[in-house]
Amino acid sequence: MSVIDVFAIFYVAAQVIERITDSIIKSIGPYDDTKADIEITSFQIDRIKAKLDSDIGKEEEKRLYDKFHTLLKYKNQRDNRMVLGVFVLTSFLGIFLAFVLQLRFLEMLGVTVLPVIDSIVTGFLISGGTKPLHDLIKYIEKAKG
């Protein structure tokens, strides 16, 4: 199998992972929250910012800062849970596809490791979607040029 054939398989596997992930994310919606909850949180943050820009007392300012930081922390935790969930999902899909299709990227590069390790590394590589593969292809083209 040529290098182009192998990259084509990697690319297709990465595309499959991207499409599955996109579909799942769209079907479940925001993680642990409704869309309305996210909009309300963003609206509350914007309102607090506006109030903090106006002339208010020190006690009210402290209360608003506390509420502002609580809302930001909540929003960041929610976003972090979503990122972690997507990472776990795509990693699982990538490793699964690498094992099923017997994709071994390190072997293709001439690096000798256990096939299980090679499949796991390959799975993580394709779990990142097509961007890492595009970057790798550009790097190889530059190295050859």
C-alpha atoms as a PDB file:
ATOM      1  CA  MET A   1       0.000   0.000   0.000  1.00  0.00           C
ATOM      2  CA  SER A   2       1.425   3.376  -0.971  1.00  0.00           C
ATOM      3  CA  VAL A   3       1.837   6.331   1.361  1.00  0.00           C
ATOM      4  CA  ILE A   4      -0.958   8.134  -0.488  1.00  0.00           C
ATOM      5  CA  ASP A   5      -3.303   5.191   0.107  1.00  0.00           C
ATOM      6  CA  VAL A   6      -2.472   5.183   3.816  1.00  0.00           C
ATOM      7  CA  PHE A   7      -3.027   8.935   4.121  1.00  0.00           C
ATOM      8  CA  ALA A   8      -6.324   8.557   2.273  1.00  0.00           C
ATOM      9  CA  ILE A   9      -7.443   5.974   4.829  1.00  0.00           C
ATOM     10  CA  PHE A  10      -6.333   8.231   7.706  1.00  0.00           C
ATOM     11  CA  TYR A  11      -8.164  11.154   6.147  1.00  0.00           C
ATOM     12  CA  VAL A  12     -11.378   9.173   5.675  1.00  0.00           C
ATOM     13  CA  ALA A  13     -11.197   7.877   9.258  1.00  0.00           C
ATOM     14  CA  ALA A  14     -10.661  11.424  10.552  1.00  0.00           C
ATOM     15  CA  GLN A  15     -13.619  12.650   8.455  1.00  0.00           C
ATOM     16  CA  VAL A  16     -15.821   9.888   9.883  1.00  0.00           C
ATOM     17  CA  ILE A  17     -14.884  10.938  13.411  1.00  0.00           C
ATOM     18  CA  GLU A  18     -15.601  14.607  12.635  1.00  0.00           C
ATOM     19  CA  ARG A  19     -19.020  13.813  11.150  1.00  0.00           C
ATOM     20  CA  ILE A  20     -20.026  11.488  14.016  1.00  0.00           C
ATOM     21  CA  THR A  21     -18.887  14.006  16.617  1.00  0.00           C
ATOM     22  CA  ASP A  22     -20.691  16.890  14.904  1.00  0.00           C
ATOM     23  CA  SER A  23     -23.891  14.852  14.707  1.00  0.00           C
ATOM     24  CA  ILE A  24     -23.739  13.818  18.353  1.00  0.00           C
ATOM     25  CA  ILE A  25     -23.012  17.346  19.571  1.00  0.00           C
ATOM     26  CA  LYS A  26     -25.885  18.755  17.513  1.00  0.00           C
ATOM     27  CA  SER A  27     -28.278  16.051  18.720  1.00  0.00           C
ATOM     28  CA  ILE A  28     -27.530  16.396  22.438  1.00  0.00           C
ATOM     29  CA  GLY A  29     -27.241  20.175  22.397  1.00  0.00           C
ATOM     30  CA  PRO A  30     -25.284  22.037  25.046  1.00  0.00           C
ATOM     31  CA  TYR A  31     -23.833  19.818  27.738  1.00  0.00           C
ATOM     32  CA  ASP A  32     -25.929  19.790  30.939  1.00  0.00           C
ATOM     33  CA  ASP A  33     -27.715  22.998  29.967  1.00  0.00           C
ATOM     34  CA  THR A  34     -30.471  24.173  27.738  1.00  0.00           C
ATOM     35  CA  LYS A  35     -29.758  26.790  25.101  1.00  0.00           C
ATOM     36  CA  ALA A  36     -31.942  29.209  27.055  1.00  0.00           C
ATOM     37  CA  ASP A  37     -29.817  28.684  30.193  1.00  0.00           C
ATOM     38  CA  ILE A  38     -26.661  29.550  28.265  1.00  0.00           C
ATOM     39  CA  GLU A  39     -28.290  32.679  26.830  1.00  0.00           C
ATOM     40  CA  ILE A  40     -29.554  33.728  30.269  1.00  0.00           C
ATOM     41  CA  THR A  41     -26.083  33.281  31.781  1.00  0.00           C
ATOM     42  CA  SER A  42     -24.513  35.354  28.995  1.00  0.00           C
ATOM     43  CA  PHE A  43     -27.233  38.012  29.372  1.00  0.00           C
ATOM     44  CA  GLN A  44     -26.665  38.167  33.140  1.00  0.00           C
ATOM     45  CA  ILE A  45     -22.920  38.551  32.632  1.00  0.00           C
ATOM     46  CA  ASP A  46     -23.495  41.410  30.168  1.00  0.00           C
ATOM     47  CA  ARG A  47     -25.922  43.150  32.558  1.00  0.00           C
ATOM     48  CA  ILE A  48     -23.469  42.891  35.438  1.00  0.00           C
ATOM     49  CA  LYS A  49     -20.692  44.330  33.263  1.00  0.00           C
ATOM     50  CA  ALA A  50     -22.962  47.281  32.385  1.00  0.00           C
ATOM     51  CA  LYS A  51     -23.856  47.891  36.046  1.00  0.00           C
ATOM     52  CA  LEU A  52     -20.200  47.753  37.065  1.00  0.00           C
ATOM     53  CA  ASP A  53     -19.454  50.492  34.536  1.00  0.00           C
ATOM     54  CA  SER A  54     -22.058  52.761  36.175  1.00  0.00           C
ATOM     55  CA  ASP A  55     -21.753  54.669  39.469  1.00  0.00           C
ATOM     56  CA  ILE A  56     -22.718  52.251  42.261  1.00  0.00           C
ATOM     57  CA  GLY A  57     -21.863  51.852  45.935  1.00  0.00           C
ATOM     58  CA  LYS A  58     -18.953  49.737  47.147  1.00  0.00           C
ATOM     59  CA  GLU A  59     -21.210  47.065  48.665  1.00  0.00           C
ATOM     60  CA  GLU A  60     -23.270  46.707  45.478  1.00  0.00           C
ATOM     61  CA  GLU A  61     -20.063  46.627  43.436  1.00  0.00           C
ATOM     62  CA  LYS A  62     -18.672  43.770  45.577  1.00  0.00           C
ATOM     63  CA  ARG A  63     -21.941  41.838  45.303  1.00  0.00           C
ATOM     64  CA  LEU A  64     -21.977  42.264  41.517  1.00  0.00           C
ATOM     65  CA  TYR A  65     -18.324  41.211  41.208  1.00  0.00           C
ATOM     66  CA  ASP A  66     -19.040  38.082  43.254  1.00  0.00           C
ATOM     67  CA  LYS A  67     -22.064  37.233  41.113  1.00  0.00           C
ATOM     68  CA  PHE A  68     -20.091  37.987  37.936  1.00  0.00           C
ATOM     69  CA  HIS A  69     -17.258  35.642  38.931  1.00  0.00           C
ATOM     70  CA  THR A  70     -19.711  32.932  39.971  1.00  0.00           C
ATOM     71  CA  LEU A  71     -21.448  33.105  36.587  1.00  0.00           C
ATOM     72  CA  LEU A  72     -18.134  33.086  34.700  1.00  0.00           C
ATOM     73  CA  LYS A  73     -16.911  30.121  36.747  1.00  0.00           C
ATOM     74  CA  TYR A  74     -20.152  28.252  36.024  1.00  0.00           C
ATOM     75  CA  LYS A  75     -19.882  29.045  32.307  1.00  0.00           C
ATOM     76  CA  ASN A  76     -16.214  27.972  32.177  1.00  0.00           C
ATOM     77  CA  GLN A  77     -16.901  24.722  34.051  1.00  0.00           C
ATOM     78  CA  ARG A  78     -19.721  23.926  31.644  1.00  0.00           C
ATOM     79  CA  ASP A  79     -17.474  24.645  28.653  1.00  0.00           C
ATOM     80  CA  ASN A  80     -14.649  22.545  30.130  1.00  0.00           C
ATOM     81  CA  ARG A  81     -16.999  19.583  30.668  1.00  0.00           C
ATOM     82  CA  MET A  82     -18.082  19.840  27.047  1.00  0.00           C
ATOM     83  CA  VAL A  83     -14.478  19.931  25.789  1.00  0.00           C
ATOM     84  CA  LEU A  84     -13.555  16.939  27.956  1.00  0.00           C
ATOM     85  CA  GLY A  85     -16.597  15.009  26.756  1.00  0.00           C
ATOM     86  CA  VAL A  86     -15.766  15.673  23.104  1.00  0.00           C
ATOM     87  CA  PHE A  87     -12.110  14.713  23.677  1.00  0.00           C
ATOM     88  CA  VAL A  88     -13.093  11.394  25.281  1.00  0.00           C
ATOM     89  CA  LEU A  89     -15.620  10.654  22.530  1.00  0.00           C
ATOM     90  CA  THR A  90     -13.267  11.452  19.649  1.00  0.00           C
ATOM     91  CA  SER A  91     -10.374   9.592  21.284  1.00  0.00           C
ATOM     92  CA  PHE A  92     -12.518   6.493  21.722  1.00  0.00           C
ATOM     93  CA  LEU A  93     -13.732   6.686  18.118  1.00  0.00           C
ATOM     94  CA  GLY A  94     -10.206   7.242  16.793  1.00  0.00           C
ATOM     95  CA  ILE A  95      -8.703   4.343  18.715  1.00  0.00           C
ATOM     96  CA  PHE A  96     -11.641   2.109  17.798  1.00  0.00           C
ATOM     97  CA  LEU A  97     -11.262   2.895  14.084  1.00  0.00           C
ATOM     98  CA  ALA A  98      -7.481   2.429  14.248  1.00  0.00           C
ATOM     99  CA  PHE A  99      -7.934  -1.048  15.755  1.00  0.00           C
ATOM    100  CA  VAL A 100     -10.768  -2.095  13.444  1.00  0.00           C
ATOM    101  CA  LEU A 101      -9.052  -0.842  10.282  1.00  0.00           C
ATOM    102  CA  GLN A 102      -5.615  -1.921  11.573  1.00  0.00           C
ATOM    103  CA  LEU A 103      -4.184   1.533  10.954  1.00  0.00           C
ATOM    104  CA  ARG A 104      -0.600   1.878  12.164  1.00  0.00           C
ATOM    105  CA  PHE A 105       0.864   5.293  11.533  1.00  0.00           C
ATOM    106  CA  LEU A 106       4.177   4.715  13.342  1.00  0.00           C
ATOM    107  CA  GLU A 107       4.775   1.535  11.357  1.00  0.00           C
ATOM    108  CA  MET A 108       4.267   3.525   8.171  1.00  0.00           C
ATOM    109  CA  LEU A 109       6.957   5.962   9.341  1.00  0.00           C
ATOM    110  CA  GLY A 110       9.337   3.081  10.067  1.00  0.00           C
ATOM    111  CA  VAL A 111       9.119   3.320  13.868  1.00  0.00           C
ATOM    112  CA  THR A 112       9.015  -0.085  15.550  1.00  0.00           C
ATOM    113  CA  VAL A 113       6.624  -0.334  18.506  1.00  0.00           C
ATOM    114  CA  LEU A 114       4.027  -2.825  19.658  1.00  0.00           C
ATOM    115  CA  PRO A 115       1.037  -2.865  17.282  1.00  0.00           C
ATOM    116  CA  VAL A 116      -1.283  -2.020  20.201  1.00  0.00           C
ATOM    117  CA  ILE A 117       0.731   1.117  21.012  1.00  0.00           C
ATOM    118  CA  ASP A 118       0.852   2.032  17.326  1.00  0.00           C
ATOM    119  CA  SER A 119      -2.934   1.695  17.004  1.00  0.00           C
ATOM    120  CA  ILE A 120      -3.506   3.825  20.110  1.00  0.00           C
ATOM    121  CA  VAL A 121      -1.148   6.565  18.856  1.00  0.00           C
ATOM    122  CA  THR A 122      -2.783   6.382  15.429  1.00  0.00           C
ATOM    123  CA  GLY A 123      -6.219   6.571  17.064  1.00  0.00           C
ATOM    124  CA  PHE A 124      -5.282   9.729  18.919  1.00  0.00           C
ATOM    125  CA  LEU A 125      -3.867  11.190  15.705  1.00  0.00           C
ATOM    126  CA  ILE A 126      -7.039  10.629  13.697  1.00  0.00           C
ATOM    127  CA  SER A 127      -9.252  11.601  16.649  1.00  0.00           C
ATOM    128  CA  GLY A 128      -8.071  15.181  16.182  1.00  0.00           C
ATOM    129  CA  GLY A 129      -9.948  15.357  12.897  1.00  0.00           C
ATOM    130  CA  THR A 130      -8.460  16.342   9.576  1.00  0.00           C
ATOM    131  CA  LYS A 131      -6.437  19.415  10.642  1.00  0.00           C
ATOM    132  CA  PRO A 132      -3.502  17.458  12.148  1.00  0.00           C
ATOM    133  CA  LEU A 133      -3.356  15.361   8.985  1.00  0.00           C
ATOM    134  CA  HIS A 134      -3.308  18.484   6.800  1.00  0.00           C
ATOM    135  CA  ASP A 135      -0.477  19.880   8.936  1.00  0.00           C
ATOM    136  CA  LEU A 136       1.462  16.616   8.707  1.00  0.00           C
ATOM    137  CA  ILE A 137       1.063  16.453   4.926  1.00  0.00           C
ATOM    138  CA  LYS A 138       2.360  20.045   4.634  1.00  0.00           C
ATOM    139  CA  TYR A 139       5.326  19.159   6.859  1.00  0.00           C
ATOM    140  CA  ILE A 140       6.178  16.090   4.750  1.00  0.00           C
ATOM    141  CA  GLU A 141       5.858  18.128   1.537  1.00  0.00           C
ATOM    142  CA  LYS A 142       8.272  20.741   2.927  1.00  0.00           C
ATOM    143  CA  ALA A 143      10.708  18.031   4.041  1.00  0.00           C
ATOM    144  CA  LYS A 144      10.681  16.477   0.555  1.00  0.00           C
ATOM    145  CA  GLY A 145      10.946  19.854  -1.201  1.00  0.00           C
END
